[in-house]
N, C-alpha and C. Protein backbone atom coordinates (compact mmCIF):
# COMPACT_ATOMS: atom_id res chain seq x y z
N UNK A 1 -52.19 -94.70 94.14
CA UNK A 1 -52.58 -93.42 93.25
C UNK A 1 -51.63 -93.35 92.05
N UNK A 2 -51.75 -94.19 91.18
CA UNK A 2 -51.06 -94.25 89.93
C UNK A 2 -51.29 -93.02 89.23
N UNK A 3 -50.53 -92.26 88.65
CA UNK A 3 -51.03 -90.95 87.95
C UNK A 3 -51.79 -91.21 86.68
N UNK A 4 -51.54 -92.08 85.80
CA UNK A 4 -51.93 -92.50 84.84
C UNK A 4 -53.63 -92.93 85.06
N UNK A 5 -53.79 -93.75 86.22
CA UNK A 5 -55.22 -94.19 86.65
C UNK A 5 -56.04 -93.18 87.02
N UNK A 6 -55.32 -92.27 87.97
CA UNK A 6 -55.98 -91.24 88.54
C UNK A 6 -56.54 -90.15 87.72
N UNK A 7 -55.77 -89.63 86.84
CA UNK A 7 -56.19 -88.69 85.68
C UNK A 7 -56.65 -89.20 84.62
N UNK A 8 -56.81 -90.56 84.18
CA UNK A 8 -57.54 -90.92 83.35
C UNK A 8 -58.95 -91.00 83.78
N UNK A 9 -59.21 -91.27 84.89
CA UNK A 9 -60.46 -91.42 85.37
C UNK A 9 -61.19 -89.98 85.48
N UNK A 10 -60.39 -88.88 85.86
CA UNK A 10 -60.90 -87.66 85.85
C UNK A 10 -61.33 -87.12 84.47
N UNK A 11 -60.30 -87.41 83.40
CA UNK A 11 -60.33 -87.16 81.92
C UNK A 11 -61.71 -87.82 81.41
N UNK A 12 -62.06 -89.03 81.74
CA UNK A 12 -63.14 -89.77 81.20
C UNK A 12 -64.44 -89.00 81.76
N UNK A 13 -64.53 -88.72 83.09
CA UNK A 13 -65.63 -88.00 83.61
C UNK A 13 -65.82 -86.65 83.06
N UNK A 14 -64.74 -85.92 82.95
CA UNK A 14 -64.88 -84.57 82.31
C UNK A 14 -65.43 -84.51 80.95
N UNK A 15 -65.13 -85.55 80.09
CA UNK A 15 -65.36 -85.45 78.78
C UNK A 15 -66.87 -85.99 78.75
N UNK A 16 -67.47 -86.96 79.79
CA UNK A 16 -68.78 -87.21 79.64
C UNK A 16 -69.73 -86.09 80.13
N UNK A 17 -69.20 -85.28 80.93
CA UNK A 17 -70.21 -84.13 81.47
C UNK A 17 -69.93 -82.72 81.05
N UNK A 18 -68.81 -82.35 80.60
CA UNK A 18 -68.37 -81.16 80.00
C UNK A 18 -68.78 -80.79 78.44
N UNK A 19 -69.03 -79.73 78.16
CA UNK A 19 -69.40 -79.41 76.76
C UNK A 19 -68.00 -78.84 76.20
N UNK A 20 -66.96 -78.68 76.94
CA UNK A 20 -65.48 -78.26 76.49
C UNK A 20 -64.79 -79.46 76.77
N UNK A 21 -64.68 -80.42 75.71
CA UNK A 21 -63.83 -81.56 75.81
C UNK A 21 -62.29 -81.51 75.70
N UNK A 22 -61.70 -82.25 76.66
CA UNK A 22 -60.31 -82.17 76.75
C UNK A 22 -59.79 -83.35 75.99
N UNK A 23 -58.84 -83.24 74.87
CA UNK A 23 -58.33 -84.43 74.20
C UNK A 23 -57.66 -85.34 74.81
N UNK A 24 -57.33 -86.47 74.43
CA UNK A 24 -57.01 -87.66 75.01
C UNK A 24 -55.52 -87.50 75.14
N UNK A 25 -55.25 -87.14 76.47
CA UNK A 25 -53.89 -86.96 76.93
C UNK A 25 -53.07 -87.90 77.64
N UNK A 26 -53.91 -89.19 77.79
CA UNK A 26 -53.43 -90.34 78.47
C UNK A 26 -51.80 -90.69 78.28
N UNK A 27 -51.58 -90.77 77.10
CA UNK A 27 -50.18 -91.07 76.93
C UNK A 27 -49.33 -90.26 77.35
N UNK A 28 -49.44 -89.03 77.27
CA UNK A 28 -48.55 -87.93 77.76
C UNK A 28 -48.61 -88.07 79.43
N UNK A 29 -49.75 -88.38 79.98
CA UNK A 29 -49.70 -88.64 81.33
C UNK A 29 -48.78 -89.90 81.77
N UNK A 30 -49.12 -90.99 81.03
CA UNK A 30 -48.09 -91.96 81.18
C UNK A 30 -46.53 -91.62 81.23
N UNK A 31 -46.15 -90.84 80.28
CA UNK A 31 -44.88 -90.37 80.18
C UNK A 31 -44.29 -89.44 80.90
N UNK A 32 -45.30 -88.54 81.49
CA UNK A 32 -44.78 -87.21 81.93
C UNK A 32 -45.17 -86.99 83.61
N UNK A 33 -46.21 -87.79 84.15
CA UNK A 33 -46.50 -87.46 85.38
C UNK A 33 -46.02 -88.70 86.30
N UNK A 34 -45.52 -88.30 87.45
CA UNK A 34 -45.19 -89.14 88.46
C UNK A 34 -45.61 -88.76 89.72
N UNK A 35 -45.52 -89.85 90.58
CA UNK A 35 -45.89 -89.49 92.05
C UNK A 35 -44.41 -88.93 92.77
N UNK A 36 -44.46 -87.71 93.19
CA UNK A 36 -43.22 -87.17 93.80
C UNK A 36 -43.24 -87.39 95.16
N UNK A 37 -44.44 -87.34 96.01
CA UNK A 37 -44.16 -87.56 97.34
C UNK A 37 -45.78 -88.16 97.78
N UNK A 38 -45.73 -89.13 98.74
CA UNK A 38 -46.89 -89.86 99.26
C UNK A 38 -47.03 -90.18 100.42
N UNK A 39 -48.02 -89.80 101.12
CA UNK A 39 -48.08 -90.02 102.69
C UNK A 39 -49.59 -90.65 102.80
N UNK A 40 -49.63 -91.91 102.67
CA UNK A 40 -51.07 -92.46 102.66
C UNK A 40 -51.10 -93.67 103.61
N UNK A 41 -52.25 -94.03 104.14
CA UNK A 41 -52.49 -95.34 105.02
C UNK A 41 -53.75 -95.84 104.55
N UNK A 42 -53.74 -97.38 104.50
CA UNK A 42 -54.87 -97.94 104.13
C UNK A 42 -55.81 -98.13 105.27
N UNK A 43 -57.17 -97.87 104.99
CA UNK A 43 -58.32 -98.00 106.05
C UNK A 43 -59.38 -98.96 105.44
N UNK A 44 -60.22 -99.43 106.31
CA UNK A 44 -61.19 -100.38 105.86
C UNK A 44 -62.53 -99.69 106.50
N UNK A 45 -63.52 -99.69 105.59
CA UNK A 45 -64.79 -99.01 105.95
C UNK A 45 -65.98 -99.77 105.54
N UNK A 46 -67.14 -99.61 106.56
CA UNK A 46 -68.37 -100.28 106.16
C UNK A 46 -69.04 -99.34 105.49
N UNK A 47 -69.78 -99.42 104.19
CA UNK A 47 -70.44 -98.39 103.77
C UNK A 47 -71.98 -98.90 103.91
N UNK A 48 -72.20 -99.81 104.35
CA UNK A 48 -73.72 -100.28 104.80
C UNK A 48 -74.31 -100.88 103.56
N UNK A 49 -73.50 -100.82 102.58
CA UNK A 49 -74.32 -101.55 101.33
C UNK A 49 -73.94 -102.90 101.09
N UNK A 50 -72.54 -103.37 101.65
CA UNK A 50 -72.16 -104.81 101.31
C UNK A 50 -72.18 -105.47 102.86
N UNK A 51 -71.89 -106.81 102.79
CA UNK A 51 -71.64 -107.59 103.80
C UNK A 51 -70.11 -107.43 104.55
N UNK A 52 -69.19 -107.07 103.47
CA UNK A 52 -67.91 -106.83 103.74
C UNK A 52 -67.44 -105.29 103.71
N UNK A 53 -66.29 -105.18 104.31
CA UNK A 53 -65.79 -103.90 104.19
C UNK A 53 -64.94 -103.67 103.10
N UNK A 54 -64.94 -102.17 102.63
CA UNK A 54 -64.24 -101.85 101.51
C UNK A 54 -62.81 -101.24 102.00
N UNK A 55 -61.90 -101.67 101.18
CA UNK A 55 -60.47 -101.00 101.34
C UNK A 55 -60.17 -99.73 100.58
N UNK A 56 -59.63 -98.78 101.34
CA UNK A 56 -59.17 -97.62 100.63
C UNK A 56 -57.93 -97.06 101.34
N UNK A 57 -57.79 -95.68 100.99
CA UNK A 57 -56.61 -95.07 101.53
C UNK A 57 -57.09 -93.76 101.85
N UNK A 58 -56.35 -93.07 102.85
CA UNK A 58 -56.31 -91.69 103.12
C UNK A 58 -54.95 -91.00 103.35
N UNK A 59 -54.76 -89.72 102.93
CA UNK A 59 -53.67 -89.27 103.00
C UNK A 59 -53.19 -88.21 101.88
N UNK A 60 -52.11 -87.90 101.77
CA UNK A 60 -51.89 -87.05 100.42
C UNK A 60 -50.82 -87.62 99.59
N UNK A 61 -51.13 -87.06 98.15
CA UNK A 61 -50.17 -87.56 97.26
C UNK A 61 -49.71 -86.36 96.36
N UNK A 62 -48.71 -86.08 96.02
CA UNK A 62 -48.15 -85.07 95.32
C UNK A 62 -47.75 -85.53 93.94
N UNK A 63 -47.99 -85.14 92.84
CA UNK A 63 -47.51 -85.56 91.73
C UNK A 63 -46.79 -84.36 90.91
N UNK A 64 -45.78 -84.88 90.12
CA UNK A 64 -44.59 -84.02 89.47
C UNK A 64 -45.08 -84.16 87.98
N UNK A 65 -44.87 -83.12 87.19
CA UNK A 65 -45.16 -83.07 85.78
C UNK A 65 -43.81 -82.85 85.20
N UNK A 66 -43.17 -83.88 84.43
CA UNK A 66 -42.09 -83.70 83.68
C UNK A 66 -42.19 -83.08 82.43
N UNK A 67 -42.32 -81.77 82.22
CA UNK A 67 -42.89 -81.05 81.03
C UNK A 67 -41.64 -80.66 80.20
N UNK A 68 -40.73 -81.54 79.95
CA UNK A 68 -39.60 -80.93 79.08
C UNK A 68 -39.92 -80.54 77.59
N UNK A 69 -41.20 -80.77 77.20
CA UNK A 69 -41.34 -80.20 75.80
C UNK A 69 -41.99 -78.81 76.00
N UNK A 70 -42.23 -78.30 77.30
CA UNK A 70 -42.94 -77.13 77.61
C UNK A 70 -44.31 -77.01 76.72
N UNK A 71 -45.02 -77.89 76.94
CA UNK A 71 -46.36 -77.99 76.59
C UNK A 71 -47.27 -77.51 77.44
N UNK A 72 -47.67 -76.01 77.26
CA UNK A 72 -48.43 -75.39 78.06
C UNK A 72 -50.07 -75.90 78.19
N UNK A 73 -50.42 -76.29 76.86
CA UNK A 73 -51.85 -76.85 76.97
C UNK A 73 -51.95 -78.10 77.73
N UNK A 74 -50.73 -78.89 77.78
CA UNK A 74 -50.98 -80.06 78.58
C UNK A 74 -50.97 -79.88 80.04
N UNK A 75 -50.28 -79.00 80.56
CA UNK A 75 -50.27 -78.57 82.02
C UNK A 75 -51.49 -77.80 82.31
N UNK A 76 -52.22 -76.96 81.30
CA UNK A 76 -53.48 -76.54 81.64
C UNK A 76 -54.55 -77.57 81.69
N UNK A 77 -54.37 -78.60 80.85
CA UNK A 77 -55.44 -79.54 81.05
C UNK A 77 -55.41 -80.35 82.48
N UNK A 78 -54.06 -80.79 82.73
CA UNK A 78 -53.84 -81.45 84.01
C UNK A 78 -54.12 -80.55 85.18
N UNK A 79 -54.10 -79.21 85.16
CA UNK A 79 -54.47 -78.53 86.26
C UNK A 79 -56.03 -78.39 86.30
N UNK A 80 -56.62 -78.38 85.11
CA UNK A 80 -58.18 -78.48 85.05
C UNK A 80 -58.66 -79.72 85.68
N UNK A 81 -58.14 -80.63 85.37
CA UNK A 81 -58.55 -81.99 85.72
C UNK A 81 -58.14 -82.05 87.45
N UNK A 82 -57.13 -81.68 87.85
CA UNK A 82 -56.75 -81.64 89.08
C UNK A 82 -57.81 -80.93 90.03
N UNK A 83 -58.38 -79.69 89.51
CA UNK A 83 -59.38 -78.86 90.26
C UNK A 83 -60.81 -79.55 90.13
N UNK A 84 -61.02 -80.21 89.02
CA UNK A 84 -62.06 -81.16 88.86
C UNK A 84 -62.31 -82.16 89.72
N UNK A 85 -61.16 -82.79 90.16
CA UNK A 85 -60.83 -83.76 91.20
C UNK A 85 -61.92 -83.89 92.31
N UNK A 86 -62.23 -82.54 92.95
CA UNK A 86 -62.98 -82.51 94.00
C UNK A 86 -64.45 -82.67 93.61
N UNK A 87 -64.80 -82.44 92.42
CA UNK A 87 -66.14 -82.78 92.08
C UNK A 87 -66.58 -84.16 91.52
N UNK A 88 -65.40 -84.76 90.86
CA UNK A 88 -65.40 -86.06 90.29
C UNK A 88 -65.08 -87.23 91.06
N UNK A 89 -64.13 -86.92 92.23
CA UNK A 89 -63.93 -87.94 93.17
C UNK A 89 -62.89 -88.83 92.46
N UNK A 90 -62.25 -89.71 93.26
CA UNK A 90 -61.16 -90.56 92.76
C UNK A 90 -61.30 -92.08 93.01
N UNK A 91 -61.26 -92.75 92.14
CA UNK A 91 -61.40 -94.33 92.42
C UNK A 91 -62.80 -94.76 92.11
N UNK A 92 -63.18 -95.78 92.98
CA UNK A 92 -64.43 -96.52 92.65
C UNK A 92 -65.44 -96.19 94.03
N UNK A 93 -66.68 -96.38 93.78
CA UNK A 93 -67.68 -96.15 94.77
C UNK A 93 -67.92 -94.67 95.17
N UNK A 94 -67.46 -93.89 94.24
CA UNK A 94 -67.56 -92.31 94.54
C UNK A 94 -68.95 -92.07 95.09
N UNK A 95 -69.98 -92.71 94.26
CA UNK A 95 -71.45 -92.32 94.78
C UNK A 95 -71.74 -92.70 96.22
N UNK A 96 -71.13 -93.41 96.82
CA UNK A 96 -71.14 -94.06 98.14
C UNK A 96 -70.22 -92.98 99.19
N UNK A 97 -69.57 -92.16 98.71
CA UNK A 97 -68.94 -91.32 99.54
C UNK A 97 -67.36 -91.69 99.73
N UNK A 98 -66.98 -92.70 98.79
CA UNK A 98 -65.64 -93.02 98.88
C UNK A 98 -64.97 -92.10 97.83
N UNK A 99 -63.63 -91.90 97.76
CA UNK A 99 -62.87 -91.19 96.72
C UNK A 99 -62.95 -89.70 96.95
N UNK A 100 -63.22 -89.18 98.07
CA UNK A 100 -63.25 -87.82 98.19
C UNK A 100 -62.02 -87.28 98.10
N UNK A 101 -61.89 -86.24 97.15
CA UNK A 101 -60.59 -85.75 96.81
C UNK A 101 -60.56 -84.13 96.95
N UNK A 102 -59.63 -83.55 97.38
CA UNK A 102 -59.36 -82.17 97.49
C UNK A 102 -58.05 -81.92 97.14
N UNK A 103 -57.86 -80.95 96.24
CA UNK A 103 -56.71 -80.24 95.85
C UNK A 103 -56.16 -79.33 96.74
N UNK A 104 -54.76 -79.88 97.08
CA UNK A 104 -53.99 -78.68 98.18
C UNK A 104 -53.01 -77.72 97.24
N UNK A 105 -52.96 -76.69 97.44
CA UNK A 105 -51.95 -75.92 96.82
C UNK A 105 -50.83 -75.45 97.58
């Protein structure tokens, strides 16, 4: 769950469907967000749409924002995207039920 890839996906979906766009913060994500804690395990599932199984993972991932510039807008954007994750899904094949994401507080 590379932070850049995860949040880039949310940002792309947000800007596609929202009337309130979020500016491109991908460079700040690359430089400021890291995985703080991770507890995941790989799983294989058959979605019934392919002859092969799909690989994914289940578990929890905690991200840390190194906000040394005290950029409040950046933190607000990340929080909005994290809340949006439950609706957007994470990764690929979200329309088939993969990528279910829930923000834990």
